[in-house]
Amino acid sequence: MARGRPFKCPYDGCGSTDTVSKGKRVTKNMGVRVIRYCKKCKRKFTPRNQKPVEQEPVEE
């Protein structure tokens, strides 16, 4: 069960909370960031307020 406020679409005129997880992005400064997909306006966005996500170790 999800707790807290749902992610909100940041685009003008949308603001929908009907979003799903769409993957992850790895950045140098902030580490792993979650990408969300808005079902209403059909666009992807990276939420501003995120707790750091632990990166899985890569086997070589």
PDB file of N, CA and C in Angstrom:
ATOM      1  N   MET A   1       0.841  -1.178   0.000  1.00  0.00           N
ATOM      2  CA  MET A   1       0.000   0.000   0.000  1.00  0.00           C
ATOM      3  C   MET A   1       0.885   1.239   0.000  1.00  0.00           C
ATOM      4  N   ALA A   2       0.654   2.141  -0.949  1.00  0.00           N
ATOM      5  CA  ALA A   2       1.454   3.354  -1.065  1.00  0.00           C
ATOM      6  C   ALA A   2       1.058   4.352   0.021  1.00  0.00           C
ATOM      7  N   ARG A   3       2.033   5.032   0.527  1.00  0.00           N
ATOM      8  CA  ARG A   3       1.797   6.045   1.560  1.00  0.00           C
ATOM      9  C   ARG A   3       2.272   7.393   1.054  1.00  0.00           C
ATOM     10  N   GLY A   4       1.739   8.453   1.623  1.00  0.00           N
ATOM     11  CA  GLY A   4       2.169   9.791   1.251  1.00  0.00           C
ATOM     12  C   GLY A   4       1.443  10.312   0.031  1.00  0.00           C
ATOM     13  N   ARG A   5       1.899  11.446  -0.444  1.00  0.00           N
ATOM     14  CA  ARG A   5       1.269  12.071  -1.599  1.00  0.00           C
ATOM     15  C   ARG A   5       1.729  11.408  -2.887  1.00  0.00           C
ATOM     16  N   PRO A   6       0.821  11.252  -3.847  1.00  0.00           N
ATOM     17  CA  PRO A   6       1.228  10.674  -5.138  1.00  0.00           C
ATOM     18  C   PRO A   6       2.015  11.699  -5.957  1.00  0.00           C
ATOM     19  N   PHE A   7       2.825  11.217  -6.892  1.00  0.00           N
ATOM     20  CA  PHE A   7       3.570  12.115  -7.756  1.00  0.00           C
ATOM     21  C   PHE A   7       2.592  12.880  -8.641  1.00  0.00           C
ATOM     22  N   LYS A   8       2.890  14.153  -8.878  1.00  0.00           N
ATOM     23  CA  LYS A   8       2.013  15.030  -9.641  1.00  0.00           C
ATOM     24  C   LYS A   8       2.735  15.450 -10.918  1.00  0.00           C
ATOM     25  N   CYS A   9       2.032  15.411 -12.047  1.00  0.00           N
ATOM     26  CA  CYS A   9       2.615  15.791 -13.335  1.00  0.00           C
ATOM     27  C   CYS A   9       2.954  17.285 -13.322  1.00  0.00           C
ATOM     28  N   PRO A  10       4.197  17.667 -13.663  1.00  0.00           N
ATOM     29  CA  PRO A  10       4.614  19.070 -13.577  1.00  0.00           C
ATOM     30  C   PRO A  10       4.234  19.924 -14.779  1.00  0.00           C
ATOM     31  N   TYR A  11       3.699  19.343 -15.846  1.00  0.00           N
ATOM     32  CA  TYR A  11       3.431  20.102 -17.059  1.00  0.00           C
ATOM     33  C   TYR A  11       2.205  21.005 -16.908  1.00  0.00           C
ATOM     34  N   ASP A  12       2.250  22.174 -17.588  1.00  0.00           N
ATOM     35  CA  ASP A  12       1.162  23.157 -17.528  1.00  0.00           C
ATOM     36  C   ASP A  12      -0.128  22.566 -18.074  1.00  0.00           C
ATOM     37  N   GLY A  13      -1.223  22.792 -17.358  1.00  0.00           N
ATOM     38  CA  GLY A  13      -2.522  22.326 -17.798  1.00  0.00           C
ATOM     39  C   GLY A  13      -2.817  20.880 -17.455  1.00  0.00           C
ATOM     40  N   CYS A  14      -1.845  20.151 -16.909  1.00  0.00           N
ATOM     41  CA  CYS A  14      -2.093  18.744 -16.582  1.00  0.00           C
ATOM     42  C   CYS A  14      -2.260  18.588 -15.071  1.00  0.00           C
ATOM     43  N   GLY A  15      -1.156  18.438 -14.342  1.00  0.00           N
ATOM     44  CA  GLY A  15      -1.220  18.320 -12.890  1.00  0.00           C
ATOM     45  C   GLY A  15      -1.854  17.034 -12.404  1.00  0.00           C
ATOM     46  N   SER A  16      -1.949  16.030 -13.264  1.00  0.00           N
ATOM     47  CA  SER A  16      -2.595  14.771 -12.918  1.00  0.00           C
ATOM     48  C   SER A  16      -1.733  13.953 -11.955  1.00  0.00           C
ATOM     49  N   THR A  17      -2.384  13.149 -11.136  1.00  0.00           N
ATOM     50  CA  THR A  17      -1.664  12.228 -10.254  1.00  0.00           C
ATOM     51  C   THR A  17      -1.776  10.797 -10.766  1.00  0.00           C
ATOM     52  N   ASP A  18      -2.327  10.625 -11.961  1.00  0.00           N
ATOM     53  CA  ASP A  18      -2.461   9.302 -12.577  1.00  0.00           C
ATOM     54  C   ASP A  18      -1.160   8.973 -13.307  1.00  0.00           C
ATOM     55  N   THR A  19      -0.132   8.555 -12.556  1.00  0.00           N
ATOM     56  CA  THR A  19       1.187   8.283 -13.114  1.00  0.00           C
ATOM     57  C   THR A  19       1.632   6.877 -12.765  1.00  0.00           C
ATOM     58  N   VAL A  20       2.566   6.352 -13.575  1.00  0.00           N
ATOM     59  CA  VAL A  20       3.154   5.041 -13.327  1.00  0.00           C
ATOM     60  C   VAL A  20       4.665   5.145 -13.454  1.00  0.00           C
ATOM     61  N   SER A  21       5.379   4.187 -12.869  1.00  0.00           N
ATOM     62  CA  SER A  21       6.823   4.152 -12.960  1.00  0.00           C
ATOM     63  C   SER A  21       7.219   3.754 -14.374  1.00  0.00           C
ATOM     64  N   LYS A  22       8.226   4.424 -14.929  1.00  0.00           N
ATOM     65  CA  LYS A  22       8.632   4.170 -16.313  1.00  0.00           C
ATOM     66  C   LYS A  22      10.100   3.789 -16.415  1.00  0.00           C
ATOM     67  N   GLY A  23      10.785   3.609 -15.295  1.00  0.00           N
ATOM     68  CA  GLY A  23      12.184   3.208 -15.348  1.00  0.00           C
ATOM     69  C   GLY A  23      13.045   4.073 -14.455  1.00  0.00           C
ATOM     70  N   LYS A  24      14.352   4.006 -14.700  1.00  0.00           N
ATOM     71  CA  LYS A  24      15.316   4.745 -13.892  1.00  0.00           C
ATOM     72  C   LYS A  24      16.337   5.402 -14.791  1.00  0.00           C
ATOM     73  N   ARG A  25      16.936   6.468 -14.271  1.00  0.00           N
ATOM     74  CA  ARG A  25      17.989   7.185 -14.973  1.00  0.00           C
ATOM     75  C   ARG A  25      19.154   7.334 -14.002  1.00  0.00           C
ATOM     76  N   VAL A  26      20.365   7.122 -14.467  1.00  0.00           N
ATOM     77  CA  VAL A  26      21.544   7.239 -13.609  1.00  0.00           C
ATOM     78  C   VAL A  26      22.237   8.556 -13.928  1.00  0.00           C
ATOM     79  N   THR A  27      22.430   9.399 -12.894  1.00  0.00           N
ATOM     80  CA  THR A  27      23.123  10.667 -13.064  1.00  0.00           C
ATOM     81  C   THR A  27      24.396  10.658 -12.240  1.00  0.00           C
ATOM     82  N   LYS A  28      25.346  11.506 -12.613  1.00  0.00           N
ATOM     83  CA  LYS A  28      26.622  11.552 -11.889  1.00  0.00           C
ATOM     84  C   LYS A  28      26.463  12.165 -10.500  1.00  0.00           C
ATOM     85  N   ASN A  29      25.699  13.263 -10.397  1.00  0.00           N
ATOM     86  CA  ASN A  29      25.586  13.981  -9.130  1.00  0.00           C
ATOM     87  C   ASN A  29      24.562  13.380  -8.179  1.00  0.00           C
ATOM     88  N   MET A  30      23.389  12.977  -8.704  1.00  0.00           N
ATOM     89  CA  MET A  30      22.296  12.552  -7.831  1.00  0.00           C
ATOM     90  C   MET A  30      22.090  11.049  -7.792  1.00  0.00           C
ATOM     91  N   GLY A  31      22.865  10.283  -8.561  1.00  0.00           N
ATOM     92  CA  GLY A  31      22.720   8.829  -8.535  1.00  0.00           C
ATOM     93  C   GLY A  31      21.538   8.359  -9.363  1.00  0.00           C
ATOM     94  N   VAL A  32      20.830   7.359  -8.860  1.00  0.00           N
ATOM     95  CA  VAL A  32      19.699   6.786  -9.588  1.00  0.00           C
ATOM     96  C   VAL A  32      18.448   7.612  -9.329  1.00  0.00           C
ATOM     97  N   ARG A  33      17.769   8.020 -10.411  1.00  0.00           N
ATOM     98  CA  ARG A  33      16.539   8.812 -10.316  1.00  0.00           C
ATOM     99  C   ARG A  33      15.411   8.057 -10.993  1.00  0.00           C
ATOM    100  N   VAL A  34      14.222   8.099 -10.416  1.00  0.00           N
ATOM    101  CA  VAL A  34      13.067   7.395 -10.960  1.00  0.00           C
ATOM    102  C   VAL A  34      12.416   8.260 -12.037  1.00  0.00           C
ATOM    103  N   ILE A  35      11.980   7.640 -13.131  1.00  0.00           N
ATOM    104  CA  ILE A  35      11.248   8.335 -14.191  1.00  0.00           C
ATOM    105  C   ILE A  35       9.786   7.924 -14.083  1.00  0.00           C
ATOM    106  N   ARG A  36       8.878   8.891 -14.153  1.00  0.00           N
ATOM    107  CA  ARG A  36       7.440   8.627 -14.082  1.00  0.00           C
ATOM    108  C   ARG A  36       6.793   8.944 -15.429  1.00  0.00           C
ATOM    109  N   TYR A  37       5.656   8.305 -15.717  1.00  0.00           N
ATOM    110  CA  TYR A  37       4.915   8.499 -16.954  1.00  0.00           C
ATOM    111  C   TYR A  37       3.495   8.913 -16.594  1.00  0.00           C
ATOM    112  N   CYS A  38       3.050  10.028 -17.158  1.00  0.00           N
ATOM    113  CA  CYS A  38       1.699  10.532 -16.915  1.00  0.00           C
ATOM    114  C   CYS A  38       0.747   9.892 -17.923  1.00  0.00           C
ATOM    115  N   LYS A  39      -0.297   9.242 -17.424  1.00  0.00           N
ATOM    116  CA  LYS A  39      -1.262   8.586 -18.305  1.00  0.00           C
ATOM    117  C   LYS A  39      -2.211   9.581 -18.960  1.00  0.00           C
ATOM    118  N   LYS A  40      -2.351  10.768 -18.373  1.00  0.00           N
ATOM    119  CA  LYS A  40      -3.275  11.754 -18.918  1.00  0.00           C
ATOM    120  C   LYS A  40      -2.672  12.489 -20.122  1.00  0.00           C
ATOM    121  N   CYS A  41      -1.474  13.071 -19.960  1.00  0.00           N
ATOM    122  CA  CYS A  41      -0.859  13.831 -21.058  1.00  0.00           C
ATOM    123  C   CYS A  41       0.174  13.011 -21.834  1.00  0.00           C
ATOM    124  N   LYS A  42       0.416  11.759 -21.399  1.00  0.00           N
ATOM    125  CA  LYS A  42       1.307  10.821 -22.084  1.00  0.00           C
ATOM    126  C   LYS A  42       2.735  11.350 -22.232  1.00  0.00           C
ATOM    127  N   ARG A  43       3.255  11.959 -21.142  1.00  0.00           N
ATOM    128  CA  ARG A  43       4.630  12.450 -21.155  1.00  0.00           C
ATOM    129  C   ARG A  43       5.387  11.890 -19.957  1.00  0.00           C
ATOM    130  N   LYS A  44       6.709  11.827 -20.094  1.00  0.00           N
ATOM    131  CA  LYS A  44       7.560  11.339 -19.017  1.00  0.00           C
ATOM    132  C   LYS A  44       8.157  12.528 -18.263  1.00  0.00           C
ATOM    133  N   PHE A  45       8.408  12.333 -16.965  1.00  0.00           N
ATOM    134  CA  PHE A  45       9.038  13.374 -16.170  1.00  0.00           C
ATOM    135  C   PHE A  45       9.807  12.742 -15.016  1.00  0.00           C
ATOM    136  N   THR A  46      10.746  13.510 -14.479  1.00  0.00           N
ATOM    137  CA  THR A  46      11.517  13.090 -13.317  1.00  0.00           C
ATOM    138  C   THR A  46      11.026  13.912 -12.132  1.00  0.00           C
ATOM    139  N   PRO A  47      10.429  13.277 -11.117  1.00  0.00           N
ATOM    140  CA  PRO A  47       9.951  14.022  -9.952  1.00  0.00           C
ATOM    141  C   PRO A  47      11.090  14.750  -9.238  1.00  0.00           C
ATOM    142  N   ARG A  48      10.816  15.930  -8.725  1.00  0.00           N
ATOM    143  CA  ARG A  48      11.838  16.747  -8.057  1.00  0.00           C
ATOM    144  C   ARG A  48      12.242  16.171  -6.702  1.00  0.00           C
ATOM    145  N   ASN A  49      11.258  15.864  -5.865  1.00  0.00           N
ATOM    146  CA  ASN A  49      11.558  15.414  -4.504  1.00  0.00           C
ATOM    147  C   ASN A  49      11.592  13.890  -4.465  1.00  0.00           C
ATOM    148  N   GLN A  50      12.807  13.358  -4.446  1.00  0.00           N
ATOM    149  CA  GLN A  50      12.968  11.907  -4.395  1.00  0.00           C
ATOM    150  C   GLN A  50      13.997  11.560  -3.340  1.00  0.00           C
ATOM    151  N   LYS A  51      13.745  10.467  -2.650  1.00  0.00           N
ATOM    152  CA  LYS A  51      14.759   9.933  -1.770  1.00  0.00           C
ATOM    153  C   LYS A  51      15.765   9.188  -2.637  1.00  0.00           C
ATOM    154  N   PRO A  52      17.035   9.168  -2.261  1.00  0.00           N
ATOM    155  CA  PRO A  52      18.023   8.454  -3.073  1.00  0.00           C
ATOM    156  C   PRO A  52      17.670   6.973  -3.193  1.00  0.00           C
ATOM    157  N   VAL A  53      17.726   6.451  -4.415  1.00  0.00           N
ATOM    158  CA  VAL A  53      17.441   5.045  -4.681  1.00  0.00           C
ATOM    159  C   VAL A  53      18.754   4.298  -4.700  1.00  0.00           C
ATOM    160  N   GLU A  54      18.814   3.167  -4.018  1.00  0.00           N
ATOM    161  CA  GLU A  54      20.035   2.373  -3.991  1.00  0.00           C
ATOM    162  C   GLU A  54      20.263   1.734  -5.353  1.00  0.00           C
ATOM    163  N   GLN A  55      21.500   1.862  -5.854  1.00  0.00           N
ATOM    164  CA  GLN A  55      21.847   1.283  -7.133  1.00  0.00           C
ATOM    165  C   GLN A  55      22.281  -0.157  -6.949  1.00  0.00           C
ATOM    166  N   GLU A  56      21.784  -1.043  -7.838  1.00  0.00           N
ATOM    167  CA  GLU A  56      22.144  -2.449  -7.747  1.00  0.00           C
ATOM    168  C   GLU A  56      23.577  -2.653  -8.235  1.00  0.00           C
ATOM    169  N   PRO A  57      24.357  -3.508  -7.574  1.00  0.00           N
ATOM    170  CA  PRO A  57      25.741  -3.733  -8.009  1.00  0.00           C
ATOM    171  C   PRO A  57      25.763  -4.445  -9.363  1.00  0.00           C
ATOM    172  N   VAL A  58      26.705  -4.042 -10.204  1.00  0.00           N
ATOM    173  CA  VAL A  58      26.842  -4.612 -11.547  1.00  0.00           C
ATOM    174  C   VAL A  58      27.904  -5.701 -11.506  1.00  0.00           C
ATOM    175  N   GLU A  59      27.535  -6.878 -12.007  1.00  0.00           N
ATOM    176  CA  GLU A  59      28.496  -7.983 -12.046  1.00  0.00           C
ATOM    177  C   GLU A  59      29.253  -7.959 -13.356  1.00  0.00           C
ATOM    178  N   GLU A  60      30.572  -8.154 -13.279  1.00  0.00           N
ATOM    179  CA  GLU A  60      31.395  -8.165 -14.487  1.00  0.00           C
ATOM    180  C   GLU A  60      32.134  -9.458 -14.619  1.00  0.00           C
TER     181      GLU A  60
END
